[in-house]
Amino acid sequence: MELTDKLEILADAAKYDASCASSGAPKRDSIGKGGFGATTGMGICHSYTPDGRCVSLLKILLTNYCLYDCQYCVNRRTSNVPRARFAVAEVVRLTTDFYLRNYIDGLFLSSGIIQSADYTMEQLVQVARELREVHQFRGYIHLKTIPDADPALIEAAGRYADRLSVNIELPTQDSVQKLAPEKSVHTIKLAMGSIRRKLDEKAEEPKSPRFAPAGQSTQMIVGADASDDQQILSTAETLYGSYKLKRVYYSAFSPIPQSPKSVPLAPPPMMREHRLYQADFLLRSYGFQAQELLPASGGNLALDIDPKLAWALAHREHFPLDLNRAEPHMIARVPGIGLRNAQRIVDLRRLRQVRYADLSRLRCSMKKIAPFIITADYFPARDASPSEHLRRSMAEAPQQMNLWPELQAA
């Protein structure tokens, strides 16, 4: 098979994996050194650096042959799709050639399981080793970790990769047993735990060998099983606390041709994936807990309003909030006020009282914040508008955008 044909098949097969962001990579370049590449250069798209720039990654599978028969996966053993496999040298060549032509800034490499977990992991590590040691590549490398692989291989992967990821795929053990019987949540968490221990060792001993400086991440598929958003967020919260993950990524299930009957025939609303990312950000950065966003009894996030607004409407006892007196963490919980503006408000009130016009100058979402705040010159009546009325006024019906609306009109 021609290399271009392999690239077409294996790049397309990798598109379902969302956990390829390059945030957290250390600043590294080749100025004054041998080799080439950088983790801070400008690119075209696909991923984001810690300072918010969009960069490009070569996102491919080593192979889409797989011993496993995960029901939600297009590359499962029983799937009728074209198959291909890269040699290690071919991945190395593609990465170096694409970088030198300014197409990419790094590599995201995953793989189906071939022969054994150890054999597959050895192949992934060999790609990274050759890039780093033979070609002196200094760009970003993200390797997908095979959970059943020998811990020594995972340790070797961490020496060459900027980030490692172990995909948990589904939020509950029951779902994994039903849809991915060859996999085990216990084994996946053991792999996550071994990566965390190596990261902790590196943090305690800075002079110890380099190990995955951008940390580890994982991915959960949304809508492939009956798990609701409460289960998904609770699992994410546990993973963040237990394994110090940098990110949990959410990927809406995409039905594939000739899907087995064990998975849905229709995808979940894309807005559901979006709301989970918003809720995840509230968990990581705003101090929310999963049980605050959804009750322990279960349920899904609202699709018509964002999770922060939904929480505020459900807890009107905290509002309206006096911005001149409130704690900073509560100011950040006001709908329409983000973390940066919350800090700006705190800084401003050290100089003088915060007024309503100040919030407009900070470009806060005035429609959202108006019912929830008190300033020196603005005093809305408590509970003046019922929560359901506020919800109807602030909700926006999701609309599918068209690529060429003028053609649709015609």
Protein backbone atom coordinates (compact mmCIF):
# COMPACT_ATOMS: atom_id res chain seq x y z
CA MET A 1 0.00 0.00 0.00
CA GLU A 2 1.26 3.48 -0.86
CA LEU A 3 2.24 5.74 2.02
CA THR A 4 -0.38 8.32 1.03
CA ASP A 5 -3.11 5.65 1.14
CA LYS A 6 -1.99 4.57 4.61
CA LEU A 7 -2.01 8.18 5.74
CA GLU A 8 -5.55 8.71 4.46
CA ILE A 9 -6.86 5.61 6.28
CA LEU A 10 -4.98 6.03 9.55
CA ALA A 11 -5.49 9.79 9.89
CA ASP A 12 -9.23 9.32 9.35
CA ALA A 13 -9.28 6.46 11.88
CA ALA A 14 -7.73 8.74 14.52
CA LYS A 15 -10.34 11.50 14.25
CA TYR A 16 -12.57 10.03 16.97
CA ASP A 17 -9.93 10.57 19.66
CA ALA A 18 -10.41 14.05 21.11
CA SER A 19 -7.63 13.98 23.72
CA CYS A 20 -4.90 15.51 21.58
CA ALA A 21 -4.51 19.02 23.03
CA SER A 22 -0.93 20.15 23.57
CA SER A 23 -1.54 22.33 26.63
CA GLY A 24 1.04 21.96 29.38
CA ALA A 25 4.01 21.16 27.15
CA PRO A 26 7.27 22.76 28.32
CA LYS A 27 8.81 25.54 26.26
CA ARG A 28 11.41 23.89 24.08
CA ASP A 29 13.18 24.85 20.84
CA SER A 30 16.33 24.15 18.85
CA ILE A 31 17.98 27.55 19.07
CA GLY A 32 21.68 27.10 19.73
CA LYS A 33 21.34 23.31 19.75
CA GLY A 34 21.34 20.41 17.39
CA GLY A 35 18.10 19.04 16.05
CA PHE A 36 14.92 20.80 15.03
CA GLY A 37 11.39 21.54 16.21
CA ALA A 38 9.68 23.49 18.96
CA THR A 39 6.65 23.21 21.19
CA THR A 40 5.90 26.94 20.98
CA GLY A 41 5.83 27.64 17.23
CA MET A 42 2.91 28.93 15.18
CA GLY A 43 0.82 26.36 13.33
CA ILE A 44 -2.42 25.96 11.42
CA CYS A 45 -4.98 24.26 13.71
CA HIS A 46 -6.05 21.15 15.65
CA SER A 47 -4.76 21.93 19.13
CA TYR A 48 -3.98 24.71 21.60
CA THR A 49 -0.86 25.71 23.51
CA PRO A 50 -1.00 27.00 27.14
CA ASP A 51 -1.10 30.62 25.92
CA GLY A 52 -4.09 29.92 23.68
CA ARG A 53 -2.47 29.70 20.25
CA CYS A 54 -3.82 27.17 17.81
CA VAL A 55 -1.22 24.68 16.58
CA SER A 56 -1.28 21.66 14.34
CA LEU A 57 -0.54 18.05 15.17
CA LEU A 58 -0.07 15.07 12.92
CA LYS A 59 -2.84 12.91 14.41
CA ILE A 60 -2.63 9.31 13.25
CA LEU A 61 -2.85 5.69 14.32
CA LEU A 62 0.13 3.41 13.99
CA THR A 63 -2.42 0.86 12.77
CA ASN A 64 -6.17 0.37 12.79
CA TYR A 65 -5.89 -3.42 13.01
CA CYS A 66 -7.03 -4.38 16.50
CA LEU A 67 -7.40 -7.51 18.58
CA TYR A 68 -10.22 -5.95 20.60
CA ASP A 69 -13.89 -5.82 19.65
CA CYS A 70 -15.04 -2.65 21.45
CA GLN A 71 -18.60 -2.13 20.21
CA TYR A 72 -18.36 1.67 20.00
CA CYS A 73 -15.11 1.70 17.99
CA VAL A 74 -14.93 1.95 14.21
CA ASN A 75 -11.66 0.01 14.32
CA ARG A 76 -13.00 -2.94 16.31
CA ARG A 77 -11.99 -6.43 15.26
CA THR A 78 -15.31 -7.18 13.54
CA SER A 79 -15.64 -3.83 11.76
CA ASN A 80 -15.63 -3.89 7.98
CA VAL A 81 -13.27 -0.98 7.31
CA PRO A 82 -10.11 -0.67 5.20
CA ARG A 83 -7.06 -1.61 7.27
CA ALA A 84 -3.52 -0.28 7.16
CA ARG A 85 -0.37 -0.22 9.23
CA PHE A 86 2.57 2.15 9.36
CA ALA A 87 6.10 0.97 9.90
CA VAL A 88 7.96 2.86 12.62
CA ALA A 89 10.24 4.44 10.02
CA GLU A 90 7.24 5.69 8.05
CA VAL A 91 5.76 7.55 11.04
CA VAL A 92 9.16 9.08 11.78
CA ARG A 93 9.55 10.14 8.16
CA LEU A 94 6.06 11.66 7.98
CA THR A 95 6.58 13.61 11.21
CA THR A 96 9.94 15.05 10.22
CA ASP A 97 8.90 15.81 6.63
CA PHE A 98 5.65 17.47 7.69
CA TYR A 99 7.39 19.55 10.34
CA LEU A 100 10.11 20.75 7.98
CA ARG A 101 7.39 21.82 5.54
CA ASN A 102 5.67 23.78 8.33
CA TYR A 103 2.54 21.61 8.18
CA ILE A 104 2.64 20.52 11.83
CA ASP A 105 4.09 21.35 15.23
CA GLY A 106 3.96 17.91 16.77
CA LEU A 107 2.71 14.34 16.73
CA PHE A 108 -0.31 12.65 18.34
CA LEU A 109 0.15 8.89 17.98
CA SER A 110 -2.27 6.17 18.99
CA SER A 111 -2.82 2.63 17.75
CA GLY A 112 -5.03 -0.40 17.65
CA ILE A 113 -3.74 -3.38 19.62
CA ILE A 114 -1.72 -5.77 17.45
CA GLN A 115 -0.05 -9.02 18.60
CA SER A 116 -0.07 -7.88 22.24
CA ALA A 117 -0.25 -4.79 24.41
CA ASP A 118 3.51 -4.92 25.03
CA TYR A 119 4.35 -5.27 21.33
CA THR A 120 2.11 -2.33 20.41
CA MET A 121 3.52 -0.15 23.17
CA GLU A 122 7.06 -1.01 22.10
CA GLN A 123 6.26 0.22 18.59
CA LEU A 124 4.86 3.51 19.91
CA VAL A 125 7.89 4.05 22.15
CA GLN A 126 10.25 3.26 19.28
CA VAL A 127 8.68 6.02 17.16
CA ALA A 128 9.17 8.56 19.95
CA ARG A 129 12.70 7.31 20.71
CA GLU A 130 13.83 7.64 17.10
CA LEU A 131 12.34 11.11 16.78
CA ARG A 132 14.04 12.34 19.94
CA GLU A 133 17.38 10.54 19.82
CA VAL A 134 18.07 9.91 16.14
CA HIS A 135 16.48 12.99 14.56
CA GLN A 136 16.73 15.32 17.59
CA PHE A 137 13.07 16.31 17.20
CA ARG A 138 12.10 18.88 19.84
CA GLY A 139 8.45 19.35 18.90
CA TYR A 140 5.44 18.11 20.83
CA ILE A 141 4.78 14.36 21.13
CA HIS A 142 1.63 12.85 22.66
CA LEU A 143 1.54 9.06 22.98
CA LYS A 144 -1.54 6.99 23.70
CA THR A 145 -0.70 4.49 26.44
CA ILE A 146 -1.80 0.86 26.21
CA PRO A 147 -3.15 0.03 29.73
CA ASP A 148 -2.09 -3.64 29.71
CA ALA A 149 1.49 -2.83 28.69
CA ASP A 150 4.45 -3.45 30.97
CA PRO A 151 5.00 -0.48 33.36
CA ALA A 152 8.61 -0.31 32.15
CA LEU A 153 7.33 0.48 28.65
CA ILE A 154 5.02 3.18 30.01
CA GLU A 155 7.98 4.66 31.89
CA ALA A 156 10.01 4.65 28.66
CA ALA A 157 7.15 6.38 26.84
CA GLY A 158 7.15 9.13 29.46
CA ARG A 159 10.84 9.82 28.84
CA TYR A 160 10.18 10.75 25.21
CA ALA A 161 6.59 12.04 25.14
CA ASP A 162 5.36 15.39 26.39
CA ARG A 163 2.01 13.91 27.37
CA LEU A 164 0.62 10.42 27.90
CA SER A 165 -3.04 9.48 27.84
CA VAL A 166 -4.95 6.39 28.90
CA ASN A 167 -8.52 6.43 27.60
CA ILE A 168 -11.08 5.16 30.09
CA GLU A 169 -13.68 5.41 27.27
CA LEU A 170 -16.83 4.78 29.37
CA PRO A 171 -17.73 6.09 32.85
CA THR A 172 -18.83 2.85 34.53
CA GLN A 173 -17.44 -0.65 34.95
CA ASP A 174 -20.74 -2.16 33.78
CA SER A 175 -20.61 -0.24 30.50
CA VAL A 176 -17.01 -1.26 29.88
CA GLN A 177 -17.85 -4.92 30.53
CA LYS A 178 -20.81 -4.73 28.16
CA LEU A 179 -19.30 -2.76 25.28
CA ALA A 180 -15.56 -3.46 25.63
CA PRO A 181 -15.28 -6.90 27.25
CA GLU A 182 -11.53 -7.25 26.59
CA LYS A 183 -10.83 -4.09 28.59
CA SER A 184 -10.88 -3.56 32.35
CA VAL A 185 -11.45 -0.32 34.23
CA HIS A 186 -9.20 -1.70 36.97
CA THR A 187 -6.32 -2.16 34.52
CA ILE A 188 -6.88 1.30 33.03
CA LYS A 189 -6.75 2.90 36.48
CA LEU A 190 -3.62 0.94 37.37
CA ALA A 191 -1.94 2.46 34.31
CA MET A 192 -3.14 5.93 35.31
CA GLY A 193 -1.82 5.32 38.81
CA SER A 194 1.61 4.28 37.59
CA ILE A 195 1.84 7.45 35.48
CA ARG A 196 0.79 9.59 38.44
CA ARG A 197 3.44 7.99 40.67
CA LYS A 198 6.14 8.77 38.11
CA LEU A 199 4.89 12.36 37.84
CA ASP A 200 4.94 12.69 41.64
CA GLU A 201 8.48 11.29 41.77
CA LYS A 202 9.59 13.83 39.18
CA ALA A 203 7.95 16.65 41.16
CA GLU A 204 9.75 15.56 44.34
CA GLU A 205 13.10 15.03 42.60
CA PRO A 206 13.48 17.66 39.84
CA LYS A 207 16.81 16.17 38.78
CA SER A 208 15.28 12.74 38.14
CA PRO A 209 14.83 11.66 34.48
CA ARG A 210 12.32 13.55 32.38
CA PHE A 211 8.79 12.13 32.46
CA ALA A 212 5.74 13.42 30.55
CA PRO A 213 6.08 17.10 31.55
CA ALA A 214 2.60 17.90 30.15
CA GLY A 215 1.02 15.24 32.41
CA GLN A 216 -1.66 12.76 31.46
CA SER A 217 -5.20 12.94 30.10
CA THR A 218 -8.08 10.63 29.24
CA GLN A 219 -11.26 10.52 27.16
CA MET A 220 -14.84 9.44 27.75
CA ILE A 221 -17.32 8.69 25.00
CA VAL A 222 -20.69 10.38 25.45
CA GLY A 223 -23.86 8.66 24.32
CA ALA A 224 -22.54 5.18 23.54
CA ASP A 225 -24.14 3.76 26.69
CA ALA A 226 -26.94 4.68 29.07
CA SER A 227 -24.72 6.68 31.44
CA ASP A 228 -26.12 10.11 32.22
CA ASP A 229 -24.16 13.33 32.70
CA GLN A 230 -24.14 12.92 36.48
CA GLN A 231 -22.28 9.62 36.16
CA ILE A 232 -19.89 11.09 33.60
CA LEU A 233 -19.05 14.15 35.71
CA SER A 234 -18.71 12.11 38.91
CA THR A 235 -16.25 9.80 37.16
CA ALA A 236 -14.34 12.80 35.82
CA GLU A 237 -14.21 14.36 39.30
CA THR A 238 -12.83 11.12 40.75
CA LEU A 239 -10.20 10.86 38.00
CA TYR A 240 -9.06 14.44 38.56
CA GLY A 241 -8.71 13.86 42.29
CA SER A 242 -7.14 10.42 42.21
CA TYR A 243 -4.79 10.69 39.24
CA LYS A 244 -4.16 14.43 38.85
CA LEU A 245 -5.23 14.39 35.21
CA LYS A 246 -4.62 17.52 33.20
CA ARG A 247 -7.83 17.04 31.25
CA VAL A 248 -10.74 14.73 30.73
CA TYR A 249 -11.97 14.96 27.15
CA TYR A 250 -15.50 14.18 26.03
CA SER A 251 -16.27 12.75 22.61
CA ALA A 252 -19.85 12.44 21.35
CA PHE A 253 -20.49 8.92 20.07
CA SER A 254 -20.56 8.70 16.29
CA PRO A 255 -22.61 5.80 14.88
CA ILE A 256 -20.66 3.91 12.28
CA PRO A 257 -21.76 1.72 9.34
CA GLN A 258 -22.91 -1.74 10.38
CA SER A 259 -22.89 -0.79 14.07
CA PRO A 260 -23.76 -3.59 16.48
CA LYS A 261 -27.16 -3.45 18.17
CA SER A 262 -25.50 -2.87 21.56
CA VAL A 263 -24.85 0.80 20.69
CA PRO A 264 -27.33 3.54 19.68
CA LEU A 265 -28.22 4.11 16.04
CA ALA A 266 -28.31 7.91 16.50
CA PRO A 267 -25.64 10.22 17.95
CA PRO A 268 -26.32 12.29 21.07
CA PRO A 269 -26.89 16.04 20.61
CA MET A 270 -23.58 17.80 20.04
CA MET A 271 -24.74 20.37 22.58
CA ARG A 272 -24.54 17.66 25.24
CA GLU A 273 -20.81 17.30 24.62
CA HIS A 274 -20.45 21.09 24.77
CA ARG A 275 -22.30 21.32 28.11
CA LEU A 276 -20.06 18.60 29.56
CA TYR A 277 -16.97 20.60 28.62
CA GLN A 278 -18.49 23.68 30.28
CA ALA A 279 -19.28 21.68 33.42
CA ASP A 280 -15.81 20.15 33.40
CA PHE A 281 -14.32 23.65 33.36
CA LEU A 282 -16.44 24.54 36.39
CA LEU A 283 -15.05 21.49 38.20
CA ARG A 284 -11.43 22.26 37.34
CA SER A 285 -11.31 26.03 37.68
CA TYR A 286 -14.31 27.34 39.64
CA GLY A 287 -14.37 24.98 42.61
CA PHE A 288 -17.70 23.38 41.76
CA GLN A 289 -18.41 19.78 42.67
CA ALA A 290 -20.29 17.35 40.45
CA GLN A 291 -23.11 17.01 43.00
CA GLU A 292 -23.67 20.78 42.86
CA LEU A 293 -24.24 20.70 39.12
CA LEU A 294 -26.39 17.57 39.09
CA PRO A 295 -28.09 15.68 41.94
CA ALA A 296 -26.75 12.32 43.05
CA SER A 297 -29.98 10.76 41.82
CA GLY A 298 -28.76 11.36 38.28
CA GLY A 299 -29.78 13.32 35.23
CA ASN A 300 -28.34 15.26 32.31
CA LEU A 301 -27.21 18.86 32.04
CA ALA A 302 -29.69 21.28 30.54
CA LEU A 303 -29.14 21.87 26.84
CA ASP A 304 -30.83 25.27 26.62
CA ILE A 305 -28.71 27.03 29.28
CA ASP A 306 -25.13 26.64 30.44
CA PRO A 307 -24.37 24.73 33.70
CA LYS A 308 -23.30 27.82 35.62
CA LEU A 309 -26.57 29.62 34.88
CA ALA A 310 -28.51 26.46 35.69
CA TRP A 311 -26.80 26.29 39.10
CA ALA A 312 -27.53 29.95 39.83
CA LEU A 313 -31.20 29.58 38.92
CA ALA A 314 -31.46 26.55 41.21
CA HIS A 315 -29.80 28.40 44.11
CA ARG A 316 -31.50 31.78 44.17
CA GLU A 317 -30.89 31.95 47.93
CA HIS A 318 -27.32 33.14 47.16
CA PHE A 319 -28.50 36.00 44.93
CA PRO A 320 -28.52 38.86 44.30
CA LEU A 321 -24.89 38.99 45.39
CA ASP A 322 -23.28 42.20 46.63
CA LEU A 323 -20.12 42.52 44.54
CA ASN A 324 -18.64 44.99 47.03
CA ARG A 325 -18.82 42.49 49.90
CA ALA A 326 -18.86 38.97 48.47
CA GLU A 327 -16.03 36.47 48.57
CA PRO A 328 -14.06 36.20 45.30
CA HIS A 329 -15.06 32.58 44.72
CA MET A 330 -18.74 33.53 44.93
CA ILE A 331 -18.28 36.44 42.51
CA ALA A 332 -16.85 33.96 40.00
CA ARG A 333 -20.03 31.89 40.37
CA VAL A 334 -22.23 34.72 39.12
CA PRO A 335 -23.50 33.92 35.60
CA GLY A 336 -21.77 36.20 33.11
CA ILE A 337 -18.67 36.81 35.26
CA GLY A 338 -15.57 34.76 34.54
CA LEU A 339 -12.47 34.16 36.65
CA ARG A 340 -10.53 37.04 35.15
CA ASN A 341 -13.30 39.57 35.65
CA ALA A 342 -13.94 38.29 39.17
CA GLN A 343 -10.34 39.15 40.03
CA ARG A 344 -10.66 42.53 38.32
CA ILE A 345 -13.74 43.30 40.41
CA VAL A 346 -11.87 42.38 43.60
CA ASP A 347 -8.96 44.59 42.56
CA LEU A 348 -11.30 47.48 41.71
CA ARG A 349 -13.15 47.42 45.03
CA ARG A 350 -9.86 47.91 46.85
CA LEU A 351 -9.82 51.37 45.28
CA ARG A 352 -13.51 52.26 45.31
CA GLN A 353 -16.99 50.79 45.25
CA VAL A 354 -17.98 48.77 42.21
CA ARG A 355 -20.72 50.38 40.14
CA TYR A 356 -23.00 48.91 37.46
CA ALA A 357 -21.21 50.76 34.64
CA ASP A 358 -17.91 49.16 35.70
CA LEU A 359 -19.28 45.74 34.77
CA SER A 360 -20.21 46.96 31.31
CA ARG A 361 -16.69 48.30 30.83
CA LEU A 362 -15.35 44.89 31.85
CA ARG A 363 -17.51 43.43 29.07
CA CYS A 364 -19.46 41.19 31.38
CA SER A 365 -22.61 39.63 29.97
CA MET A 366 -25.01 42.24 31.29
CA LYS A 367 -28.16 40.33 30.35
CA LYS A 368 -27.01 37.39 32.43
CA ILE A 369 -25.63 39.17 35.47
CA ALA A 370 -28.40 41.76 36.01
CA PRO A 371 -30.72 39.57 38.16
CA PHE A 372 -27.86 38.16 40.22
CA ILE A 373 -25.84 41.15 41.46
CA ILE A 374 -25.92 44.20 43.69
CA THR A 375 -23.55 47.14 43.13
CA ALA A 376 -23.21 50.55 44.72
CA ASP A 377 -25.86 51.97 42.39
CA TYR A 378 -27.88 48.90 41.41
CA PHE A 379 -30.28 47.04 43.71
CA PRO A 380 -32.55 44.46 42.05
CA ALA A 381 -35.32 43.14 44.25
CA ARG A 382 -34.57 39.69 45.65
CA ASP A 383 -36.54 37.01 43.81
CA ALA A 384 -38.24 39.68 41.71
CA SER A 385 -38.39 37.29 38.75
CA PRO A 386 -39.16 33.60 39.19
CA SER A 387 -36.33 31.28 38.11
CA GLU A 388 -38.44 29.73 35.37
CA HIS A 389 -39.17 33.16 33.89
CA LEU A 390 -35.46 34.04 33.94
CA ARG A 391 -34.63 30.75 32.33
CA ARG A 392 -37.04 31.33 29.46
CA SER A 393 -35.67 34.82 28.88
CA MET A 394 -32.02 33.68 28.86
CA ALA A 395 -32.29 30.35 27.06
CA GLU A 396 -31.36 30.18 23.42
CA ALA A 397 -32.74 27.44 21.23
CA PRO A 398 -29.81 25.55 19.69
CA GLN A 399 -29.57 25.99 15.93
CA GLN A 400 -27.62 23.96 13.41
CA MET A 401 -25.43 26.29 11.35
CA ASN A 402 -25.23 25.83 7.60
CA LEU A 403 -21.98 26.00 5.67
CA TRP A 404 -23.63 27.82 2.77
CA PRO A 405 -26.85 29.48 4.01
CA GLU A 406 -27.38 31.28 0.69
CA LEU A 407 -27.65 27.91 -1.05
CA GLN A 408 -30.11 26.71 1.58
CA ALA A 409 -32.24 29.80 0.98
CA ALA A 410 -32.21 29.18 -2.75
